[in-house]
C-alpha atoms as a PDB file:
ATOM      1  CA  MET A   1       1.810 -10.428  16.193  1.00  0.00           C
ATOM      2  CA  LEU A   2      -0.790 -10.196  13.917  1.00  0.00           C
ATOM      3  CA  LYS A   3      -1.830 -13.051  11.139  1.00  0.00           C
ATOM      4  CA  GLN A   4      -2.630 -11.850   7.824  1.00  0.00           C
ATOM      5  CA  LYS A   5      -4.232 -13.863   5.732  1.00  0.00           C
ATOM      6  CA  ILE A   6      -5.761 -14.316   2.025  1.00  0.00           C
ATOM      7  CA  ARG A   7      -9.405 -15.567   1.415  1.00  0.00           C
ATOM      8  CA  TYR A   8      -9.900 -15.787  -2.183  1.00  0.00           C
ATOM      9  CA  THR A   9     -13.668 -15.155  -3.216  1.00  0.00           C
ATOM     10  CA  LYS A  10     -16.170 -15.316  -6.462  1.00  0.00           C
ATOM     11  CA  HIS A  11     -18.305 -13.784  -4.313  1.00  0.00           C
ATOM     12  CA  LEU A  12     -17.704 -10.255  -5.426  1.00  0.00           C
ATOM     13  CA  PRO A  13     -20.435  -7.738  -7.275  1.00  0.00           C
ATOM     14  CA  GLU A  14     -18.391  -7.195 -10.465  1.00  0.00           C
ATOM     15  CA  LEU A  15     -17.761 -10.799 -10.875  1.00  0.00           C
ATOM     16  CA  LEU A  16     -21.047 -11.566  -9.963  1.00  0.00           C
ATOM     17  CA  LEU A  17     -23.280  -8.879 -12.204  1.00  0.00           C
ATOM     18  CA  PRO A  18     -23.115  -8.852 -15.621  1.00  0.00           C
ATOM     19  CA  PRO A  19     -19.910  -7.511 -17.220  1.00  0.00           C
ATOM     20  CA  LYS A  20     -21.651  -4.416 -19.594  1.00  0.00           C
ATOM     21  CA  LYS A  21     -22.483  -2.942 -15.871  1.00  0.00           C
ATOM     22  CA  VAL A  22     -19.307  -2.997 -13.831  1.00  0.00           C
ATOM     23  CA  PHE A  23     -16.998  -2.696 -16.659  1.00  0.00           C
ATOM     24  CA  LYS A  24     -15.827  -0.382 -19.347  1.00  0.00           C
ATOM     25  CA  LYS A  25     -14.880  -1.125 -23.316  1.00  0.00           C
ATOM     26  CA  ASN A  26     -11.257  -1.070 -21.528  1.00  0.00           C
ATOM     27  CA  GLY A  27     -11.802  -3.705 -19.325  1.00  0.00           C
ATOM     28  CA  LYS A  28     -11.460  -1.235 -16.606  1.00  0.00           C
ATOM     29  CA  LEU A  29     -14.563  -0.693 -13.737  1.00  0.00           C
ATOM     30  CA  LYS A  30     -16.825   1.516 -14.866  1.00  0.00           C
ATOM     31  CA  ARG A  31     -17.087   4.644 -11.869  1.00  0.00           C
ATOM     32  CA  LYS A  32     -20.180   4.651 -10.762  1.00  0.00           C
ATOM     33  CA  PHE A  33     -19.742   0.325 -10.491  1.00  0.00           C
ATOM     34  CA  TYR A  34     -16.417   1.440  -8.372  1.00  0.00           C
ATOM     35  CA  GLU A  35     -18.431   4.475  -6.265  1.00  0.00           C
ATOM     36  CA  GLU A  36     -21.071   2.438  -5.466  1.00  0.00           C
ATOM     37  CA  HIS A  37     -19.232  -0.400  -4.335  1.00  0.00           C
ATOM     38  CA  MET A  38     -16.819   2.065  -2.242  1.00  0.00           C
ATOM     39  CA  LEU A  39     -18.793   3.820  -1.035  1.00  0.00           C
ATOM     40  CA  GLU A  40     -19.984   0.469   1.631  1.00  0.00           C
ATOM     41  CA  LEU A  41     -16.255  -0.308   1.895  1.00  0.00           C
ATOM     42  CA  HIS A  42     -16.071   3.625   3.501  1.00  0.00           C
ATOM     43  CA  LEU A  43     -18.332   3.056   5.870  1.00  0.00           C
ATOM     44  CA  GLU A  44     -17.008  -0.617   6.893  1.00  0.00           C
ATOM     45  CA  LEU A  45     -13.313   1.592   7.337  1.00  0.00           C
ATOM     46  CA  VAL A  46     -15.030   3.788   9.889  1.00  0.00           C
ATOM     47  CA  LYS A  47     -16.037   1.194  11.597  1.00  0.00           C
ATOM     48  CA  LEU A  48     -12.772  -0.171  11.868  1.00  0.00           C
ATOM     49  CA  GLN A  49     -11.625   3.332  12.915  1.00  0.00           C
ATOM     50  CA  LYS A  50     -14.589   3.779  15.649  1.00  0.00           C
ATOM     51  CA  TRP A  51     -12.730  -0.226  16.764  1.00  0.00           C
ATOM     52  CA  LEU A  52      -9.090   1.400  16.815  1.00  0.00           C
ATOM     53  CA  ILE A  53     -10.313   4.394  18.918  1.00  0.00           C
ATOM     54  CA  GLU A  54     -12.345   3.011  21.757  1.00  0.00           C
ATOM     55  CA  ASN A  55      -9.660   0.586  22.071  1.00  0.00           C
ATOM     56  CA  LYS A  56      -7.018   2.499  21.717  1.00  0.00           C
ATOM     57  CA  LYS A  57      -5.112   0.208  19.002  1.00  0.00           C
ATOM     58  CA  ARG A  58      -2.585   1.627  16.648  1.00  0.00           C
ATOM     59  CA  LEU A  59      -2.202   0.793  12.838  1.00  0.00           C
ATOM     60  CA  LEU A  60      -0.065   1.631  10.459  1.00  0.00           C
ATOM     61  CA  CYS A  61      -0.270   1.204   6.977  1.00  0.00           C
ATOM     62  CA  ILE A  62       2.730   0.577   4.503  1.00  0.00           C
ATOM     63  CA  PHE A  63       2.327   1.257   0.537  1.00  0.00           C
ATOM     64  CA  GLU A  64       4.682   0.929  -1.584  1.00  0.00           C
ATOM     65  CA  GLY A  65       5.096  -0.073  -4.858  1.00  0.00           C
ATOM     66  CA  ILE A  66       7.060   1.840  -8.379  1.00  0.00           C
ATOM     67  CA  ASP A  67       6.225   5.621  -9.488  1.00  0.00           C
ATOM     68  CA  THR A  68       3.024   6.252 -10.859  1.00  0.00           C
ATOM     69  CA  ALA A  69       1.494   3.233  -9.772  1.00  0.00           C
ATOM     70  CA  GLY A  70      -1.567   4.985  -7.656  1.00  0.00           C
ATOM     71  CA  LYS A  71      -0.197   4.501  -4.248  1.00  0.00           C
ATOM     72  CA  SER A  72      -0.666   8.274  -2.994  1.00  0.00           C
ATOM     73  CA  SER A  73      -4.688   8.104  -4.826  1.00  0.00           C
ATOM     74  CA  THR A  74      -5.092   5.145  -2.818  1.00  0.00           C
ATOM     75  CA  ILE A  75      -4.128   6.057   0.806  1.00  0.00           C
ATOM     76  CA  LYS A  76      -6.538   9.595  -0.410  1.00  0.00           C
ATOM     77  CA  GLU A  77      -9.251   7.463  -1.384  1.00  0.00           C
ATOM     78  CA  LEU A  78      -9.311   5.458   1.968  1.00  0.00           C
ATOM     79  CA  ASN A  79      -8.954   8.809   3.971  1.00  0.00           C
ATOM     80  CA  SER A  80     -11.783  10.380   3.058  1.00  0.00           C
ATOM     81  CA  TYR A  81     -14.563   9.360   5.425  1.00  0.00           C
ATOM     82  CA  LEU A  82     -11.853   8.781   8.366  1.00  0.00           C
ATOM     83  CA  ASN A  83     -11.251  11.356  11.489  1.00  0.00           C
ATOM     84  CA  PRO A  84      -8.274  13.621  10.550  1.00  0.00           C
ATOM     85  CA  ARG A  85      -7.990  14.346  14.409  1.00  0.00           C
ATOM     86  CA  LYS A  86      -6.174  10.549  14.082  1.00  0.00           C
ATOM     87  CA  THR A  87      -5.354   9.521  11.286  1.00  0.00           C
ATOM     88  CA  TRP A  88      -1.977  10.788   9.382  1.00  0.00           C
ATOM     89  CA  THR A  89      -1.031  10.318   6.345  1.00  0.00           C
ATOM     90  CA  ILE A  90       2.637  10.452   6.167  1.00  0.00           C
ATOM     91  CA  ALA A  91       5.221  11.066   2.794  1.00  0.00           C
ATOM     92  CA  LEU A  92       9.000  11.908   3.962  1.00  0.00           C
ATOM     93  CA  PRO A  93      11.012  13.887   1.582  1.00  0.00           C
ATOM     94  CA  LYS A  94      14.242  12.446   0.772  1.00  0.00           C
ATOM     95  CA  PRO A  95      16.686  12.855   4.263  1.00  0.00           C
ATOM     96  CA  SER A  96      18.186  15.941   5.410  1.00  0.00           C
ATOM     97  CA  ASP A  97      21.918  16.001   6.009  1.00  0.00           C
ATOM     98  CA  VAL A  98      21.507  15.798  10.045  1.00  0.00           C
ATOM     99  CA  GLU A  99      18.785  12.396   9.427  1.00  0.00           C
ATOM    100  CA  LEU A 100      21.722  10.660   6.989  1.00  0.00           C
ATOM    101  CA  THR A 101      24.310  11.009   9.987  1.00  0.00           C
ATOM    102  CA  GLN A 102      20.614   9.115  11.526  1.00  0.00           C
ATOM    103  CA  TRP A 103      20.049   5.360  12.098  1.00  0.00           C
ATOM    104  CA  TYR A 104      17.968   4.168   8.475  1.00  0.00           C
ATOM    105  CA  PHE A 105      14.881   3.454  10.408  1.00  0.00           C
ATOM    106  CA  GLN A 106      14.953   6.338  12.597  1.00  0.00           C
ATOM    107  CA  ARG A 107      13.383   9.277  10.920  1.00  0.00           C
ATOM    108  CA  HIS A 108      10.328   6.641   9.824  1.00  0.00           C
ATOM    109  CA  LEU A 109      10.332   5.274  13.696  1.00  0.00           C
ATOM    110  CA  LYS A 110       9.249   8.551  15.216  1.00  0.00           C
ATOM    111  CA  HIS A 111       6.145   8.779  13.260  1.00  0.00           C
ATOM    112  CA  LEU A 112       4.769   5.628  14.410  1.00  0.00           C
ATOM    113  CA  PRO A 113       1.186   5.618  15.494  1.00  0.00           C
ATOM    114  CA  ASN A 114       0.488   6.174  18.498  1.00  0.00           C
ATOM    115  CA  GLY A 115      -3.401   5.149  21.182  1.00  0.00           C
ATOM    116  CA  GLU A 116      -6.150   5.722  18.613  1.00  0.00           C
ATOM    117  CA  GLU A 117      -4.031   6.524  15.601  1.00  0.00           C
ATOM    118  CA  TRP A 118      -4.595   5.294  11.711  1.00  0.00           C
ATOM    119  CA  VAL A 119      -0.983   6.483  10.198  1.00  0.00           C
ATOM    120  CA  PHE A 120      -0.514   5.434   6.424  1.00  0.00           C
ATOM    121  CA  PHE A 121       2.971   5.927   5.359  1.00  0.00           C
ATOM    122  CA  ASP A 122       3.132   7.326   0.880  1.00  0.00           C
ATOM    123  CA  ARG A 123       6.785   5.332   0.483  1.00  0.00           C
ATOM    124  CA  SER A 124       8.635   3.830   3.460  1.00  0.00           C
ATOM    125  CA  TRP A 125      12.165   2.498   5.034  1.00  0.00           C
ATOM    126  CA  TYR A 126      11.675   0.062   2.231  1.00  0.00           C
ATOM    127  CA  ASN A 127      13.287   3.123  -0.014  1.00  0.00           C
ATOM    128  CA  ARG A 128      16.217   0.811   0.553  1.00  0.00           C
ATOM    129  CA  ALA A 129      15.089  -2.250  -0.889  1.00  0.00           C
ATOM    130  CA  GLY A 130      14.272   0.106  -4.326  1.00  0.00           C
ATOM    131  CA  VAL A 131      14.814   3.968  -5.145  1.00  0.00           C
ATOM    132  CA  GLU A 132      17.821   4.129  -3.416  1.00  0.00           C
ATOM    133  CA  LYS A 133      19.551   0.991  -4.270  1.00  0.00           C
ATOM    134  CA  VAL A 134      18.653   1.550  -8.100  1.00  0.00           C
ATOM    135  CA  PHE A 135      20.150   4.821  -8.275  1.00  0.00           C
ATOM    136  CA  GLY A 136      22.795   4.881  -5.988  1.00  0.00           C
ATOM    137  CA  PHE A 137      21.843   6.662  -3.125  1.00  0.00           C
ATOM    138  CA  CYS A 138      22.558   4.047  -0.790  1.00  0.00           C
ATOM    139  CA  THR A 139      26.149   1.846  -1.116  1.00  0.00           C
ATOM    140  CA  LYS A 140      26.135  -2.596  -0.666  1.00  0.00           C
ATOM    141  CA  GLU A 141      26.650  -2.090   3.025  1.00  0.00           C
ATOM    142  CA  GLN A 142      24.188  -0.085   3.734  1.00  0.00           C
ATOM    143  CA  PHE A 143      21.538  -2.205   1.316  1.00  0.00           C
ATOM    144  CA  GLU A 144      23.005  -5.090   2.948  1.00  0.00           C
ATOM    145  CA  LEU A 145      22.354  -4.113   6.449  1.00  0.00           C
ATOM    146  CA  PHE A 146      19.443  -3.218   5.529  1.00  0.00           C
ATOM    147  CA  TYR A 147      17.775  -6.618   4.925  1.00  0.00           C
ATOM    148  CA  HIS A 148      20.219  -7.451   8.014  1.00  0.00           C
ATOM    149  CA  GLN A 149      17.857  -5.828  10.139  1.00  0.00           C
ATOM    150  CA  VAL A 150      14.199  -5.164   8.016  1.00  0.00           C
ATOM    151  CA  ASN A 151      12.632  -7.680   9.677  1.00  0.00           C
ATOM    152  CA  ASP A 152      13.787  -7.303  13.029  1.00  0.00           C
ATOM    153  CA  VAL A 153      12.871  -4.320  13.341  1.00  0.00           C
ATOM    154  CA  GLU A 154       8.795  -4.934  11.699  1.00  0.00           C
ATOM    155  CA  ARG A 155       9.041  -7.972  14.778  1.00  0.00           C
ATOM    156  CA  MET A 156       9.728  -6.144  17.039  1.00  0.00           C
ATOM    157  CA  LEU A 157       6.826  -3.373  15.996  1.00  0.00           C
ATOM    158  CA  ALA A 158       4.290  -6.261  15.105  1.00  0.00           C
ATOM    159  CA  GLU A 159       4.982  -7.590  19.045  1.00  0.00           C
ATOM    160  CA  ASP A 160       4.721  -4.298  20.593  1.00  0.00           C
ATOM    161  CA  GLY A 161       0.910  -4.978  19.475  1.00  0.00           C
ATOM    162  CA  ILE A 162       1.073  -2.032  15.909  1.00  0.00           C
ATOM    163  CA  MET A 163      -1.160  -4.316  13.111  1.00  0.00           C
ATOM    164  CA  LEU A 164       1.481  -3.385  10.347  1.00  0.00           C
ATOM    165  CA  PHE A 165      -0.264  -3.667   7.513  1.00  0.00           C
ATOM    166  CA  LYS A 166       1.917  -3.730   3.863  1.00  0.00           C
ATOM    167  CA  PHE A 167       1.391  -2.554   0.442  1.00  0.00           C
ATOM    168  CA  TYR A 168       2.468  -3.182  -2.767  1.00  0.00           C
ATOM    169  CA  TYR A 169       1.410  -1.812  -6.001  1.00  0.00           C
ATOM    170  CA  SER A 170       2.631  -3.673  -9.387  1.00  0.00           C
ATOM    171  CA  ILE A 171       1.618  -2.237 -12.361  1.00  0.00           C
ATOM    172  CA  SER A 172       3.227  -2.969 -16.150  1.00  0.00           C
ATOM    173  CA  LYS A 173       5.870  -1.038 -17.525  1.00  0.00           C
ATOM    174  CA  LYS A 174       2.670  -0.166 -20.341  1.00  0.00           C
ATOM    175  CA  THR A 175       0.940   1.450 -17.542  1.00  0.00           C
ATOM    176  CA  GLN A 176       3.877   2.886 -16.319  1.00  0.00           C
ATOM    177  CA  ALA A 177       4.675   4.672 -19.147  1.00  0.00           C
ATOM    178  CA  LYS A 178       0.840   6.094 -19.737  1.00  0.00           C
ATOM    179  CA  ARG A 179       0.406   7.739 -16.668  1.00  0.00           C
ATOM    180  CA  ILE A 180       3.359   9.377 -16.829  1.00  0.00           C
ATOM    181  CA  LYS A 181       2.391  10.468 -20.095  1.00  0.00           C
ATOM    182  CA  GLU A 182      -0.628  11.471 -19.042  1.00  0.00           C
ATOM    183  CA  ARG A 183       1.000  13.039 -15.923  1.00  0.00           C
ATOM    184  CA  LYS A 184       3.193  15.359 -18.540  1.00  0.00           C
ATOM    185  CA  LYS A 185      -0.353  16.807 -20.145  1.00  0.00           C
ATOM    186  CA  ASN A 186      -2.414  17.271 -17.529  1.00  0.00           C
ATOM    187  CA  PRO A 187      -1.414  20.456 -15.297  1.00  0.00           C
ATOM    188  CA  LEU A 188      -3.755  19.596 -12.455  1.00  0.00           C
ATOM    189  CA  LYS A 189      -0.736  16.445 -11.979  1.00  0.00           C
ATOM    190  CA  SER A 190       2.839  18.354 -13.280  1.00  0.00           C
ATOM    191  CA  TRP A 191       3.980  18.443  -9.662  1.00  0.00           C
ATOM    192  CA  LYS A 192       4.338  14.477  -9.257  1.00  0.00           C
ATOM    193  CA  LEU A 193       6.255  14.419 -12.155  1.00  0.00           C
ATOM    194  CA  SER A 194       9.617  14.076 -11.380  1.00  0.00           C
ATOM    195  CA  LYS A 195      13.282  13.041 -13.615  1.00  0.00           C
ATOM    196  CA  LEU A 196      13.098  10.362 -11.366  1.00  0.00           C
ATOM    197  CA  ASP A 197       9.127   9.265 -12.839  1.00  0.00           C
ATOM    198  CA  TYR A 198      11.705   8.947 -16.112  1.00  0.00           C
ATOM    199  CA  GLU A 199      14.220   7.048 -14.573  1.00  0.00           C
ATOM    200  CA  SER A 200      12.468   4.978 -13.210  1.00  0.00           C
ATOM    201  CA  LEU A 201      10.172   3.870 -16.647  1.00  0.00           C
ATOM    202  CA  LYS A 202      14.440   3.142 -18.031  1.00  0.00           C
ATOM    203  CA  ASN A 203      14.883   0.617 -14.980  1.00  0.00           C
ATOM    204  CA  TYR A 204      11.239  -1.013 -14.751  1.00  0.00           C
ATOM    205  CA  ASP A 205      13.328  -5.026 -15.044  1.00  0.00           C
ATOM    206  CA  LYS A 206      16.084  -3.514 -11.659  1.00  0.00           C
ATOM    207  CA  PHE A 207      12.802  -2.845  -9.755  1.00  0.00           C
ATOM    208  CA  ILE A 208      10.866  -6.141 -10.510  1.00  0.00           C
ATOM    209  CA  LYS A 209      13.938  -7.865  -9.588  1.00  0.00           C
ATOM    210  CA  LEU A 210      14.685  -5.953  -6.675  1.00  0.00           C
ATOM    211  CA  ARG A 211      10.503  -5.932  -5.854  1.00  0.00           C
ATOM    212  CA  ASP A 212      10.282  -9.361  -5.810  1.00  0.00           C
ATOM    213  CA  LYS A 213      13.713  -9.874  -3.295  1.00  0.00           C
ATOM    214  CA  MET A 214      11.991  -7.583  -0.818  1.00  0.00           C
ATOM    215  CA  PHE A 215       9.025 -10.533  -1.188  1.00  0.00           C
ATOM    216  CA  GLN A 216      11.049 -12.921  -0.223  1.00  0.00           C
ATOM    217  CA  ASP A 217      13.478 -11.206   2.674  1.00  0.00           C
ATOM    218  CA  ALA A 218      11.392  -8.972   4.170  1.00  0.00           C
ATOM    219  CA  ALA A 219       8.347 -10.350   4.228  1.00  0.00           C
ATOM    220  CA  LEU A 220       8.155 -11.499   7.870  1.00  0.00           C
ATOM    221  CA  VAL A 221       5.289  -9.213   8.444  1.00  0.00           C
ATOM    222  CA  PRO A 222       3.563  -9.770   4.668  1.00  0.00           C
ATOM    223  CA  TRP A 223       3.156  -8.448   1.476  1.00  0.00           C
ATOM    224  CA  ALA A 224       0.054  -8.154   0.350  1.00  0.00           C
ATOM    225  CA  GLU A 225       0.897  -7.449  -3.538  1.00  0.00           C
ATOM    226  CA  PHE A 226      -2.286  -5.960  -5.824  1.00  0.00           C
ATOM    227  CA  ASP A 227      -2.734  -5.571  -9.752  1.00  0.00           C
ATOM    228  CA  ALA A 228      -2.858  -2.349  -9.848  1.00  0.00           C
ATOM    229  CA  ASN A 229      -3.180  -1.023 -13.653  1.00  0.00           C
ATOM    230  CA  ASP A 230      -6.775  -0.295 -12.935  1.00  0.00           C
ATOM    231  CA  LYS A 231      -6.770   0.933  -9.841  1.00  0.00           C
ATOM    232  CA  LYS A 232     -10.164   1.126  -9.058  1.00  0.00           C
ATOM    233  CA  ARG A 233      -9.817  -2.338  -8.435  1.00  0.00           C
ATOM    234  CA  ALA A 234      -7.178  -2.391  -6.167  1.00  0.00           C
ATOM    235  CA  ARG A 235      -8.273   0.188  -3.866  1.00  0.00           C
ATOM    236  CA  LEU A 236     -11.393  -1.934  -3.682  1.00  0.00           C
ATOM    237  CA  ASN A 237      -9.454  -5.009  -2.488  1.00  0.00           C
ATOM    238  CA  THR A 238      -7.217  -3.427  -0.681  1.00  0.00           C
ATOM    239  CA  ALA A 239      -9.764  -1.885   1.771  1.00  0.00           C
ATOM    240  CA  ARG A 240     -11.888  -6.122   1.404  1.00  0.00           C
ATOM    241  CA  PHE A 241      -8.055  -7.286   2.329  1.00  0.00           C
ATOM    242  CA  LEU A 242      -7.585  -5.356   5.348  1.00  0.00           C
ATOM    243  CA  LEU A 243     -10.968  -4.972   6.544  1.00  0.00           C
ATOM    244  CA  ASP A 244     -10.944  -8.847   5.994  1.00  0.00           C
ATOM    245  CA  ASN A 245      -7.547  -9.354   8.508  1.00  0.00           C
ATOM    246  CA  ILE A 246      -9.424  -7.468  12.042  1.00  0.00           C
ATOM    247  CA  ASP A 247     -11.597  -8.236  13.958  1.00  0.00           C
ATOM    248  CA  TYR A 248     -13.499  -5.220  14.360  1.00  0.00           C
ATOM    249  CA  GLU A 249     -17.143  -4.510  16.082  1.00  0.00           C
ATOM    250  CA  GLU A 250     -19.834  -4.178  14.232  1.00  0.00           C
ATOM    251  CA  LYS A 251     -18.446  -6.194  10.515  1.00  0.00           C
ATOM    252  CA  ASN A 252     -20.856  -6.108   7.993  1.00  0.00           C
ATOM    253  CA  LYS A 253     -19.748 -10.140   7.023  1.00  0.00           C
ATOM    254  CA  ASP A 254     -21.988  -9.750   3.974  1.00  0.00           C
ATOM    255  CA  LEU A 255     -20.043  -7.550   2.693  1.00  0.00           C
ATOM    256  CA  ILE A 256     -16.108  -9.187   3.836  1.00  0.00           C
ATOM    257  CA  LEU A 257     -16.152 -11.908   1.897  1.00  0.00           C
ATOM    258  CA  GLY A 258     -12.928 -11.537   0.555  1.00  0.00           C
ATOM    259  CA  VAL A 259     -10.570 -10.535  -1.800  1.00  0.00           C
ATOM    260  CA  ASP A 260     -10.451 -11.344  -6.166  1.00  0.00           C
ATOM    261  CA  LYS A 261      -8.010 -13.809  -7.208  1.00  0.00           C
ATOM    262  CA  SER A 262      -6.944 -12.101  -9.756  1.00  0.00           C
ATOM    263  CA  ILE A 263      -5.668  -8.599  -7.568  1.00  0.00           C
ATOM    264  CA  VAL A 264      -3.742  -9.456  -5.230  1.00  0.00           C
ATOM    265  CA  LYS A 265      -1.820 -12.589  -3.845  1.00  0.00           C
ATOM    266  CA  LEU A 266      -0.391 -12.228  -0.130  1.00  0.00           C
ATOM    267  CA  HIS A 267       3.731 -12.891   0.110  1.00  0.00           C
ATOM    268  CA  LYS A 268       4.662 -14.543   3.272  1.00  0.00           C
ATOM    269  CA  SER A 269       7.607 -15.561   4.865  1.00  0.00           C
ATOM    270  CA  GLN A 270       9.434 -18.842   3.758  1.00  0.00           C
ATOM    271  CA  LYS A 271      12.166 -18.696   6.679  1.00  0.00           C
END
């Protein structure tokens, strides 16, 4: 089982350079700065994938977070230069009538990576720990059974050699409200908007309570939590955290030094 660690460092370009070169007036990263430094990380991600393919490794990255947190856009960014024949993004729709009769994990597990493959889950079995619980899409018994089983499922995946990473994107209620409003105004993003987005905003506090339970009770495989109020900083640190935790060949150790303490937390099991 891959033991994940977190290394904090102050030797990051956004922390070393003069703020005027890094941040906009609203405190978020400038696009030019972000693109320049994300490109360096893309090269490392390509090296990582080359190592995965050459060694027939399996990598699974789960992305979770409240609606509008930036999960899908981050997966799209990380995928930018990867080999599409060995990379898959799985974003499942609501379960069919047949899937509702299956073991809960079944429809997700058939999308696990084979050797040489890198799979991104844009939401996962953790729907039951959040969305389904908040909106009454599962029973109390189903919710409790999920927590009874999830650590065992993930233990088996990790023990079998799948490198499993779980990323959670956290945003404030104010940020969520702002992003929902932006989606409503932008016709290019209108497909992202649904009634559940508004309901998620109304139930923000419930989601946060369930998130914290998940960090505590489903952390045999640790959760890396990212402050995603600035999507660009979250993306940079997601790539850094992932790259720092895998010993792939030709790693640029002058670049991969760790993550920003103000952006990333690692939640490990206390059991």
